[in-house]
């Protein structure tokens, strides 16, 4: 994964996903964290795309919060935050989506599409 090939908004979402996982004391950052970060972006494209698809984004965001709350929290964990296998699949798929569309950069729409295709089962479209 070459973060130089990601747009600023995509890099911000990945960083926010990592921050959320750390704040919640999760041992790994997953696709749920990423989607939640995409939805939280101010004037975010992900929210507009999902709304255009007829998704209740407020309800979806609440469901994501509940799913994140259910993940095990490990207090006192000081090791490096790991990337979940689902997130690794999402990032790889997002890069493939960008290549297929002949885009130079991996953008928010690539991440969202990949998360809905390759993320945890409760995210798949």
N, C-alpha and C. Protein backbone atom coordinates (compact mmCIF):
# COMPACT_ATOMS: atom_id res chain seq x y z
N UNK A 1 0.86 -1.18 0.00
CA UNK A 1 0.00 0.00 0.00
C UNK A 1 0.90 1.23 0.00
N UNK A 2 0.73 2.05 -0.99
CA UNK A 2 1.49 3.29 -1.13
C UNK A 2 0.55 4.46 -0.85
N UNK A 3 0.67 5.04 0.34
CA UNK A 3 -0.24 6.14 0.71
C UNK A 3 -0.09 7.36 -0.18
N UNK A 4 1.00 7.45 -0.94
CA UNK A 4 1.14 8.56 -1.88
C UNK A 4 0.15 8.44 -3.03
N UNK A 5 -0.40 7.24 -3.21
CA UNK A 5 -1.40 7.02 -4.27
C UNK A 5 -2.82 7.22 -3.77
N UNK A 6 -2.97 7.71 -2.55
CA UNK A 6 -4.29 7.96 -1.95
C UNK A 6 -4.53 9.46 -1.89
N UNK A 7 -5.78 9.86 -2.11
CA UNK A 7 -6.12 11.28 -2.01
C UNK A 7 -6.02 11.73 -0.56
N UNK A 8 -6.01 13.02 -0.37
CA UNK A 8 -5.92 13.59 0.98
C UNK A 8 -7.09 13.10 1.85
N UNK A 9 -8.30 13.12 1.31
CA UNK A 9 -9.48 12.68 2.06
C UNK A 9 -9.38 11.19 2.41
N UNK A 10 -8.84 10.38 1.51
CA UNK A 10 -8.67 8.96 1.79
C UNK A 10 -7.65 8.75 2.91
N UNK A 11 -6.54 9.47 2.84
CA UNK A 11 -5.53 9.36 3.90
C UNK A 11 -6.10 9.83 5.24
N UNK A 12 -6.89 10.90 5.21
CA UNK A 12 -7.52 11.39 6.45
C UNK A 12 -8.46 10.34 7.04
N UNK A 13 -9.21 9.66 6.18
CA UNK A 13 -10.14 8.63 6.65
C UNK A 13 -9.39 7.46 7.26
N UNK A 14 -8.30 7.04 6.65
CA UNK A 14 -7.50 5.94 7.19
C UNK A 14 -6.91 6.33 8.55
N UNK A 15 -6.41 7.56 8.64
CA UNK A 15 -5.86 8.04 9.92
C UNK A 15 -6.95 8.14 10.99
N UNK A 16 -8.13 8.61 10.60
CA UNK A 16 -9.24 8.71 11.55
C UNK A 16 -9.70 7.32 12.01
N UNK A 17 -9.68 6.35 11.10
CA UNK A 17 -10.04 4.98 11.46
C UNK A 17 -9.05 4.43 12.49
N UNK A 18 -7.78 4.69 12.28
CA UNK A 18 -6.76 4.25 13.24
C UNK A 18 -6.97 4.94 14.60
N UNK A 19 -7.26 6.21 14.55
CA UNK A 19 -7.47 6.96 15.80
C UNK A 19 -8.68 6.42 16.56
N UNK A 20 -9.74 6.12 15.84
CA UNK A 20 -10.94 5.58 16.47
C UNK A 20 -10.64 4.23 17.12
N UNK A 21 -9.91 3.38 16.43
CA UNK A 21 -9.56 2.07 16.99
C UNK A 21 -8.72 2.25 18.26
N UNK A 22 -7.79 3.17 18.25
CA UNK A 22 -6.96 3.42 19.44
C UNK A 22 -7.81 3.96 20.59
N UNK A 23 -8.67 4.92 20.30
CA UNK A 23 -9.50 5.52 21.34
C UNK A 23 -10.44 4.49 21.97
N UNK A 24 -10.88 3.52 21.18
CA UNK A 24 -11.80 2.50 21.69
C UNK A 24 -11.06 1.30 22.27
N UNK A 25 -9.75 1.38 22.28
CA UNK A 25 -8.89 0.32 22.84
C UNK A 25 -9.02 -0.99 22.07
N UNK A 26 -9.19 -0.89 20.74
CA UNK A 26 -9.24 -2.07 19.90
C UNK A 26 -7.81 -2.43 19.49
N UNK A 27 -7.56 -3.70 19.31
CA UNK A 27 -6.22 -4.15 18.96
C UNK A 27 -5.94 -4.04 17.46
N UNK A 28 -6.99 -3.95 16.69
CA UNK A 28 -6.81 -3.81 15.25
C UNK A 28 -7.81 -2.83 14.68
N UNK A 29 -7.42 -2.24 13.57
CA UNK A 29 -8.30 -1.32 12.86
C UNK A 29 -8.92 -2.10 11.71
N UNK A 30 -10.23 -1.97 11.56
CA UNK A 30 -10.93 -2.76 10.56
C UNK A 30 -11.72 -1.90 9.58
N UNK A 31 -12.41 -2.58 8.69
CA UNK A 31 -13.22 -1.90 7.68
C UNK A 31 -14.35 -1.09 8.32
N UNK A 32 -14.89 -1.59 9.43
CA UNK A 32 -15.95 -0.82 10.13
C UNK A 32 -15.42 0.53 10.58
N UNK A 33 -14.20 0.55 11.10
CA UNK A 33 -13.59 1.81 11.53
C UNK A 33 -13.45 2.76 10.34
N UNK A 34 -13.04 2.19 9.20
CA UNK A 34 -12.84 3.02 8.01
C UNK A 34 -14.15 3.59 7.51
N UNK A 35 -15.19 2.78 7.44
CA UNK A 35 -16.48 3.27 6.95
C UNK A 35 -17.02 4.34 7.90
N UNK A 36 -16.87 4.11 9.20
CA UNK A 36 -17.31 5.11 10.16
C UNK A 36 -16.56 6.43 9.95
N UNK A 37 -15.25 6.34 9.69
CA UNK A 37 -14.46 7.54 9.43
C UNK A 37 -14.90 8.23 8.14
N UNK A 38 -15.22 7.46 7.12
CA UNK A 38 -15.70 8.05 5.87
C UNK A 38 -17.02 8.79 6.07
N UNK A 39 -17.91 8.19 6.87
CA UNK A 39 -19.21 8.83 7.13
C UNK A 39 -19.05 10.09 7.99
N UNK A 40 -18.02 10.13 8.80
CA UNK A 40 -17.81 11.27 9.70
C UNK A 40 -17.14 12.45 9.03
N UNK A 41 -16.63 12.27 7.82
CA UNK A 41 -15.96 13.37 7.14
C UNK A 41 -16.95 14.50 6.86
N UNK A 42 -16.53 15.70 7.24
CA UNK A 42 -17.39 16.87 7.03
C UNK A 42 -17.60 17.09 5.54
N UNK A 43 -18.84 17.27 5.13
CA UNK A 43 -19.22 17.41 3.72
C UNK A 43 -18.67 16.24 2.91
N UNK A 44 -18.74 15.04 3.50
CA UNK A 44 -18.10 13.87 2.91
C UNK A 44 -18.83 13.31 1.71
N UNK A 45 -18.05 12.82 0.80
CA UNK A 45 -18.57 12.20 -0.41
C UNK A 45 -19.27 10.88 -0.09
N UNK A 46 -18.76 10.14 0.89
CA UNK A 46 -19.36 8.84 1.23
C UNK A 46 -20.81 9.01 1.65
N UNK A 47 -21.07 9.99 2.48
CA UNK A 47 -22.44 10.24 2.93
C UNK A 47 -23.34 10.60 1.76
N UNK A 48 -22.85 11.45 0.88
CA UNK A 48 -23.65 11.84 -0.30
C UNK A 48 -23.92 10.64 -1.20
N UNK A 49 -22.91 9.80 -1.42
CA UNK A 49 -23.10 8.63 -2.29
C UNK A 49 -24.11 7.66 -1.70
N UNK A 50 -23.98 7.39 -0.40
CA UNK A 50 -24.91 6.46 0.25
C UNK A 50 -26.33 7.02 0.27
N UNK A 51 -26.47 8.31 0.51
CA UNK A 51 -27.78 8.95 0.49
C UNK A 51 -28.40 8.83 -0.90
N UNK A 52 -27.58 9.06 -1.92
CA UNK A 52 -28.05 8.94 -3.31
C UNK A 52 -28.51 7.52 -3.61
N UNK A 53 -27.90 6.53 -2.95
CA UNK A 53 -28.27 5.13 -3.13
C UNK A 53 -29.50 4.76 -2.31
N UNK A 54 -30.02 5.71 -1.52
CA UNK A 54 -31.21 5.45 -0.73
C UNK A 54 -30.93 4.89 0.66
N UNK A 55 -29.68 4.98 1.10
CA UNK A 55 -29.30 4.47 2.42
C UNK A 55 -29.60 5.54 3.47
N UNK A 56 -30.20 5.12 4.56
CA UNK A 56 -30.40 5.99 5.72
C UNK A 56 -29.05 6.12 6.41
N UNK A 57 -28.29 7.15 6.09
CA UNK A 57 -26.92 7.25 6.60
C UNK A 57 -26.88 7.46 8.11
N UNK A 58 -27.86 8.13 8.67
CA UNK A 58 -27.89 8.31 10.12
C UNK A 58 -28.09 6.96 10.80
N UNK A 59 -29.00 6.16 10.29
CA UNK A 59 -29.23 4.83 10.83
C UNK A 59 -28.04 3.91 10.63
N UNK A 60 -27.43 4.02 9.46
CA UNK A 60 -26.25 3.22 9.16
C UNK A 60 -25.11 3.59 10.10
N UNK A 61 -24.95 4.87 10.35
CA UNK A 61 -23.90 5.34 11.26
C UNK A 61 -24.15 4.84 12.68
N UNK A 62 -25.41 4.87 13.12
CA UNK A 62 -25.75 4.34 14.46
C UNK A 62 -25.45 2.85 14.54
N UNK A 63 -25.77 2.12 13.49
CA UNK A 63 -25.49 0.68 13.46
C UNK A 63 -23.98 0.43 13.51
N UNK A 64 -23.22 1.23 12.80
CA UNK A 64 -21.76 1.10 12.85
C UNK A 64 -21.24 1.35 14.26
N UNK A 65 -21.79 2.35 14.93
CA UNK A 65 -21.39 2.63 16.31
C UNK A 65 -21.66 1.44 17.21
N UNK A 66 -22.83 0.81 17.04
CA UNK A 66 -23.16 -0.37 17.83
C UNK A 66 -22.19 -1.52 17.54
N UNK A 67 -21.86 -1.71 16.28
CA UNK A 67 -20.92 -2.76 15.91
C UNK A 67 -19.53 -2.50 16.50
N UNK A 68 -19.11 -1.24 16.45
CA UNK A 68 -17.81 -0.90 17.03
C UNK A 68 -17.82 -1.09 18.54
N UNK A 69 -18.95 -0.77 19.17
CA UNK A 69 -19.07 -0.95 20.63
C UNK A 69 -18.96 -2.43 21.01
N UNK A 70 -19.33 -3.32 20.11
CA UNK A 70 -19.31 -4.75 20.41
C UNK A 70 -17.93 -5.38 20.25
N UNK A 71 -17.00 -4.67 19.61
CA UNK A 71 -15.66 -5.22 19.45
C UNK A 71 -14.95 -5.25 20.79
N UNK A 72 -14.14 -6.26 21.02
CA UNK A 72 -13.43 -6.35 22.30
C UNK A 72 -12.46 -5.18 22.48
N UNK A 73 -12.46 -4.64 23.67
CA UNK A 73 -11.53 -3.56 24.03
C UNK A 73 -10.49 -4.14 24.98
N UNK A 74 -9.24 -3.78 24.73
CA UNK A 74 -8.14 -4.26 25.56
C UNK A 74 -7.45 -3.04 26.15
N UNK A 75 -7.72 -2.79 27.41
CA UNK A 75 -7.11 -1.64 28.09
C UNK A 75 -5.69 -2.01 28.52
N UNK A 76 -4.79 -1.07 28.37
CA UNK A 76 -3.40 -1.30 28.73
C UNK A 76 -2.60 -1.92 27.60
N UNK A 77 -3.22 -2.10 26.46
CA UNK A 77 -2.54 -2.66 25.28
C UNK A 77 -1.60 -1.61 24.73
N UNK A 78 -0.32 -1.92 24.66
CA UNK A 78 0.66 -0.92 24.21
C UNK A 78 1.37 -1.34 22.93
N UNK A 79 1.02 -2.49 22.39
CA UNK A 79 1.65 -2.96 21.17
C UNK A 79 1.12 -2.17 19.97
N UNK A 80 1.67 -2.42 18.82
CA UNK A 80 1.28 -1.73 17.60
C UNK A 80 -0.13 -2.14 17.19
N UNK A 81 -0.90 -1.19 16.74
CA UNK A 81 -2.24 -1.44 16.22
C UNK A 81 -2.11 -2.21 14.91
N UNK A 82 -2.84 -3.30 14.79
CA UNK A 82 -2.78 -4.14 13.59
C UNK A 82 -3.91 -3.78 12.63
N UNK A 83 -3.69 -4.12 11.38
CA UNK A 83 -4.72 -3.97 10.36
C UNK A 83 -5.46 -5.30 10.27
N UNK A 84 -6.78 -5.25 10.30
CA UNK A 84 -7.56 -6.48 10.20
C UNK A 84 -7.44 -7.05 8.78
N UNK A 85 -7.63 -8.35 8.64
CA UNK A 85 -7.64 -8.94 7.29
C UNK A 85 -8.70 -8.29 6.40
N UNK A 86 -9.85 -7.96 6.97
CA UNK A 86 -10.92 -7.32 6.17
C UNK A 86 -10.46 -5.97 5.64
N UNK A 87 -9.79 -5.18 6.48
CA UNK A 87 -9.31 -3.87 6.02
C UNK A 87 -8.23 -4.04 4.96
N UNK A 88 -7.36 -5.03 5.12
CA UNK A 88 -6.34 -5.28 4.10
C UNK A 88 -6.99 -5.61 2.75
N UNK A 89 -8.07 -6.42 2.79
CA UNK A 89 -8.80 -6.73 1.56
C UNK A 89 -9.43 -5.49 0.97
N UNK A 90 -9.99 -4.63 1.83
CA UNK A 90 -10.64 -3.40 1.36
C UNK A 90 -9.64 -2.50 0.66
N UNK A 91 -8.49 -2.30 1.28
CA UNK A 91 -7.48 -1.41 0.68
C UNK A 91 -6.97 -1.96 -0.64
N UNK A 92 -6.75 -3.27 -0.70
CA UNK A 92 -6.31 -3.89 -1.95
C UNK A 92 -7.38 -3.75 -3.04
N UNK A 93 -8.64 -3.97 -2.66
CA UNK A 93 -9.74 -3.83 -3.62
C UNK A 93 -9.89 -2.39 -4.07
N UNK A 94 -9.73 -1.45 -3.16
CA UNK A 94 -9.82 -0.02 -3.52
C UNK A 94 -8.76 0.34 -4.55
N UNK A 95 -7.57 -0.20 -4.38
CA UNK A 95 -6.50 0.07 -5.35
C UNK A 95 -6.84 -0.55 -6.70
N UNK A 96 -7.43 -1.75 -6.68
CA UNK A 96 -7.85 -2.37 -7.95
C UNK A 96 -8.97 -1.57 -8.61
N UNK A 97 -9.91 -1.05 -7.81
CA UNK A 97 -10.99 -0.22 -8.35
C UNK A 97 -10.42 1.03 -9.03
N UNK A 98 -9.47 1.66 -8.38
CA UNK A 98 -8.85 2.87 -8.97
C UNK A 98 -8.15 2.52 -10.28
N UNK A 99 -7.43 1.41 -10.31
CA UNK A 99 -6.75 0.99 -11.54
C UNK A 99 -7.75 0.69 -12.65
N UNK A 100 -8.82 -0.01 -12.30
CA UNK A 100 -9.83 -0.38 -13.30
C UNK A 100 -10.49 0.85 -13.91
N UNK A 101 -10.64 1.89 -13.08
CA UNK A 101 -11.24 3.13 -13.57
C UNK A 101 -10.22 4.09 -14.15
N UNK A 102 -8.96 3.62 -14.22
CA UNK A 102 -7.85 4.41 -14.74
C UNK A 102 -7.65 5.72 -13.98
N UNK A 103 -7.91 5.66 -12.66
CA UNK A 103 -7.68 6.80 -11.78
C UNK A 103 -6.27 6.71 -11.23
N UNK A 104 -5.63 7.87 -11.11
CA UNK A 104 -4.26 7.90 -10.59
C UNK A 104 -4.21 7.72 -9.08
N UNK A 105 -5.30 8.07 -8.40
CA UNK A 105 -5.32 8.05 -6.94
C UNK A 105 -6.50 7.24 -6.42
N UNK A 106 -6.30 6.63 -5.26
CA UNK A 106 -7.37 5.93 -4.57
C UNK A 106 -8.15 6.97 -3.78
N UNK A 107 -9.42 7.11 -4.10
CA UNK A 107 -10.23 8.15 -3.48
C UNK A 107 -11.32 7.55 -2.59
N UNK A 108 -12.08 8.41 -1.97
CA UNK A 108 -13.12 8.01 -1.03
C UNK A 108 -14.10 7.03 -1.68
N UNK A 109 -14.50 7.30 -2.91
CA UNK A 109 -15.47 6.41 -3.54
C UNK A 109 -14.90 5.01 -3.75
N UNK A 110 -13.60 4.92 -4.04
CA UNK A 110 -12.97 3.61 -4.18
C UNK A 110 -12.97 2.87 -2.84
N UNK A 111 -12.64 3.60 -1.77
CA UNK A 111 -12.63 2.99 -0.43
C UNK A 111 -14.02 2.51 -0.03
N UNK A 112 -15.03 3.35 -0.27
CA UNK A 112 -16.39 2.98 0.10
C UNK A 112 -16.87 1.77 -0.69
N UNK A 113 -16.68 1.79 -1.97
CA UNK A 113 -17.08 0.67 -2.82
C UNK A 113 -16.39 -0.61 -2.37
N UNK A 114 -15.10 -0.53 -2.11
CA UNK A 114 -14.34 -1.71 -1.67
C UNK A 114 -14.81 -2.20 -0.31
N UNK A 115 -15.14 -1.29 0.60
CA UNK A 115 -15.62 -1.68 1.93
C UNK A 115 -16.95 -2.41 1.83
N UNK A 116 -17.80 -1.97 0.93
CA UNK A 116 -19.10 -2.61 0.76
C UNK A 116 -18.96 -3.96 0.07
N UNK A 117 -17.90 -4.14 -0.71
CA UNK A 117 -17.67 -5.42 -1.40
C UNK A 117 -16.85 -6.39 -0.57
N UNK A 118 -15.82 -5.89 0.11
CA UNK A 118 -14.81 -6.76 0.71
C UNK A 118 -14.72 -6.66 2.23
N UNK A 119 -15.47 -5.74 2.84
CA UNK A 119 -15.37 -5.55 4.28
C UNK A 119 -16.00 -6.68 5.07
N UNK A 120 -16.11 -6.47 6.37
CA UNK A 120 -16.75 -7.47 7.23
C UNK A 120 -18.15 -7.77 6.69
N UNK A 121 -18.66 -8.97 6.98
CA UNK A 121 -19.97 -9.37 6.41
C UNK A 121 -21.10 -8.38 6.67
N UNK A 122 -21.08 -7.67 7.80
CA UNK A 122 -22.17 -6.74 8.09
C UNK A 122 -22.04 -5.43 7.31
N UNK A 123 -20.99 -5.28 6.52
CA UNK A 123 -20.83 -4.10 5.68
C UNK A 123 -21.12 -4.40 4.20
N UNK A 124 -21.08 -5.65 3.83
CA UNK A 124 -21.18 -6.00 2.42
C UNK A 124 -22.55 -5.69 1.86
N UNK A 125 -22.53 -5.15 0.66
CA UNK A 125 -23.78 -4.78 -0.01
C UNK A 125 -24.41 -6.00 -0.67
